[in-house]
Amino acid sequence: MQKNQAQNRETLIHLIKRAIELLCEKNISSVVILSSYKINSVLRENFGVDIKVDKIGRILSKLAKLNELKRLSTNIPKYKLQISKVSSLKFF
């Protein structure tokens, strides 16, 4: 059971990583704003995967803390990511 949970978590992290990469590829500015809703819509449109937004939000929050991303002061947590730093993002 735990092996399956760990595998699901790795798959989820991999999907979120791909979604962030896709967001950055399609963005024309040097900064992309990340939110769990935006990542969720990219996952749904490009991979046909529907993951709960709160699950994505928890992973995004850990990712932001680990990489020291600036949080924007909005009701929904959003983080600023320099596109030049995408390749060096740490995912746990």
C-alpha atoms as a PDB file:
ATOM      1  CA  MET A   1       0.000   0.000   0.000  1.00  0.00           C
ATOM      2  CA  GLN A   2       2.733   2.506   0.914  1.00  0.00           C
ATOM      3  CA  LYS A   3       4.729   1.689  -2.210  1.00  0.00           C
ATOM      4  CA  ASN A   4       1.659   2.498  -4.285  1.00  0.00           C
ATOM      5  CA  GLN A   5       1.170   5.831  -2.455  1.00  0.00           C
ATOM      6  CA  ALA A   6       4.821   6.774  -3.010  1.00  0.00           C
ATOM      7  CA  GLN A   7       4.508   5.874  -6.681  1.00  0.00           C
ATOM      8  CA  ASN A   8       1.319   7.966  -7.004  1.00  0.00           C
ATOM      9  CA  ARG A   9       3.076  10.911  -5.341  1.00  0.00           C
ATOM     10  CA  GLU A  10       6.044  10.622  -7.734  1.00  0.00           C
ATOM     11  CA  THR A  11       3.673  10.482 -10.697  1.00  0.00           C
ATOM     12  CA  LEU A  12       1.799  13.529  -9.386  1.00  0.00           C
ATOM     13  CA  ILE A  13       5.033  15.482  -8.897  1.00  0.00           C
ATOM     14  CA  HIS A  14       6.181  14.511 -12.397  1.00  0.00           C
ATOM     15  CA  LEU A  15       2.866  15.696 -13.886  1.00  0.00           C
ATOM     16  CA  ILE A  16       3.072  19.009 -12.024  1.00  0.00           C
ATOM     17  CA  LYS A  17       6.660  19.453 -13.225  1.00  0.00           C
ATOM     18  CA  ARG A  18       5.551  18.886 -16.840  1.00  0.00           C
ATOM     19  CA  ALA A  19       2.639  21.322 -16.395  1.00  0.00           C
ATOM     20  CA  ILE A  20       5.001  24.022 -15.087  1.00  0.00           C
ATOM     21  CA  GLU A  21       7.370  23.406 -18.008  1.00  0.00           C
ATOM     22  CA  LEU A  22       4.470  23.717 -20.466  1.00  0.00           C
ATOM     23  CA  LEU A  23       3.308  26.957 -18.836  1.00  0.00           C
ATOM     24  CA  CYS A  24       6.807  28.374 -19.185  1.00  0.00           C
ATOM     25  CA  GLU A  25       7.176  27.241 -22.806  1.00  0.00           C
ATOM     26  CA  LYS A  26       3.951  28.989 -23.813  1.00  0.00           C
ATOM     27  CA  ASN A  27       4.663  32.165 -21.832  1.00  0.00           C
ATOM     28  CA  ILE A  28       6.183  35.122 -23.657  1.00  0.00           C
ATOM     29  CA  SER A  29       7.310  37.145 -20.635  1.00  0.00           C
ATOM     30  CA  SER A  30      10.308  36.381 -18.412  1.00  0.00           C
ATOM     31  CA  VAL A  31       8.086  35.596 -15.396  1.00  0.00           C
ATOM     32  CA  VAL A  32       5.263  33.104 -15.036  1.00  0.00           C
ATOM     33  CA  ILE A  33       2.692  33.160 -12.226  1.00  0.00           C
ATOM     34  CA  LEU A  34       1.992  29.711 -10.813  1.00  0.00           C
ATOM     35  CA  SER A  35      -1.254  28.763  -9.111  1.00  0.00           C
ATOM     36  CA  SER A  36      -2.840  25.415  -8.355  1.00  0.00           C
ATOM     37  CA  TYR A  37      -5.836  26.287 -10.570  1.00  0.00           C
ATOM     38  CA  LYS A  38      -3.620  27.163 -13.523  1.00  0.00           C
ATOM     39  CA  ILE A  39      -1.593  23.948 -13.128  1.00  0.00           C
ATOM     40  CA  ASN A  40      -4.820  21.956 -12.796  1.00  0.00           C
ATOM     41  CA  SER A  41      -6.203  23.362 -16.058  1.00  0.00           C
ATOM     42  CA  VAL A  42      -2.922  22.606 -17.894  1.00  0.00           C
ATOM     43  CA  LEU A  43      -3.018  19.022 -16.594  1.00  0.00           C
ATOM     44  CA  ARG A  44      -6.633  18.632 -17.663  1.00  0.00           C
ATOM     45  CA  GLU A  45      -6.146  20.110 -21.148  1.00  0.00           C
ATOM     46  CA  ASN A  46      -2.814  18.501 -22.037  1.00  0.00           C
ATOM     47  CA  PHE A  47      -2.814  15.196 -20.145  1.00  0.00           C
ATOM     48  CA  GLY A  48      -6.499  14.524 -19.507  1.00  0.00           C
ATOM     49  CA  VAL A  49      -5.758  14.213 -15.787  1.00  0.00           C
ATOM     50  CA  ASP A  50      -8.091  15.683 -13.177  1.00  0.00           C
ATOM     51  CA  ILE A  51      -6.364  16.103  -9.823  1.00  0.00           C
ATOM     52  CA  LYS A  52      -7.868  17.860  -6.821  1.00  0.00           C
ATOM     53  CA  VAL A  53      -6.732  21.478  -6.684  1.00  0.00           C
ATOM     54  CA  ASP A  54      -5.911  21.286  -2.970  1.00  0.00           C
ATOM     55  CA  LYS A  55      -3.494  18.398  -3.607  1.00  0.00           C
ATOM     56  CA  ILE A  56      -1.753  20.427  -6.309  1.00  0.00           C
ATOM     57  CA  GLY A  57      -1.733  23.421  -3.971  1.00  0.00           C
ATOM     58  CA  ARG A  58       0.076  21.508  -1.221  1.00  0.00           C
ATOM     59  CA  ILE A  59       2.771  20.321  -3.614  1.00  0.00           C
ATOM     60  CA  LEU A  60       3.069  23.793  -5.150  1.00  0.00           C
ATOM     61  CA  SER A  61       3.445  25.317  -1.686  1.00  0.00           C
ATOM     62  CA  LYS A  62       6.282  22.908  -0.800  1.00  0.00           C
ATOM     63  CA  LEU A  63       7.886  23.558  -4.170  1.00  0.00           C
ATOM     64  CA  ALA A  64       7.697  27.321  -3.646  1.00  0.00           C
ATOM     65  CA  LYS A  65       9.179  27.091  -0.160  1.00  0.00           C
ATOM     66  CA  LEU A  66      11.986  24.800  -1.336  1.00  0.00           C
ATOM     67  CA  ASN A  67      12.892  27.099  -4.238  1.00  0.00           C
ATOM     68  CA  GLU A  68      12.198  30.355  -2.369  1.00  0.00           C
ATOM     69  CA  LEU A  69       9.606  31.578  -4.863  1.00  0.00           C
ATOM     70  CA  LYS A  70       7.931  34.899  -4.086  1.00  0.00           C
ATOM     71  CA  ARG A  71       4.288  34.541  -3.014  1.00  0.00           C
ATOM     72  CA  LEU A  72       1.875  37.120  -4.350  1.00  0.00           C
ATOM     73  CA  SER A  73      -0.595  38.629  -1.900  1.00  0.00           C
ATOM     74  CA  THR A  74      -3.836  37.178  -3.234  1.00  0.00           C
ATOM     75  CA  ASN A  75      -6.540  35.011  -1.675  1.00  0.00           C
ATOM     76  CA  ILE A  76      -5.485  32.081  -3.822  1.00  0.00           C
ATOM     77  CA  PRO A  77      -1.778  31.317  -3.308  1.00  0.00           C
ATOM     78  CA  LYS A  78       0.181  32.336  -6.397  1.00  0.00           C
ATOM     79  CA  TYR A  79       3.927  32.285  -6.866  1.00  0.00           C
ATOM     80  CA  LYS A  80       6.274  34.164  -9.167  1.00  0.00           C
ATOM     81  CA  LEU A  81       8.722  32.039 -11.170  1.00  0.00           C
ATOM     82  CA  GLN A  82      11.479  33.385 -13.388  1.00  0.00           C
ATOM     83  CA  ILE A  83      11.402  31.315 -16.592  1.00  0.00           C
ATOM     84  CA  SER A  84      15.209  31.195 -16.580  1.00  0.00           C
ATOM     85  CA  LYS A  85      15.043  29.222 -13.299  1.00  0.00           C
ATOM     86  CA  VAL A  86      12.678  26.476 -14.478  1.00  0.00           C
ATOM     87  CA  SER A  87      15.461  24.029 -15.322  1.00  0.00           C
ATOM     88  CA  SER A  88      16.982  24.395 -11.854  1.00  0.00           C
ATOM     89  CA  LEU A  89      13.733  23.912  -9.884  1.00  0.00           C
ATOM     90  CA  LYS A  90      14.000  21.447  -7.023  1.00  0.00           C
ATOM     91  CA  PHE A  91      11.079  19.036  -6.616  1.00  0.00           C
ATOM     92  CA  PHE A  92      11.840  17.618  -3.141  1.00  0.00           C
END
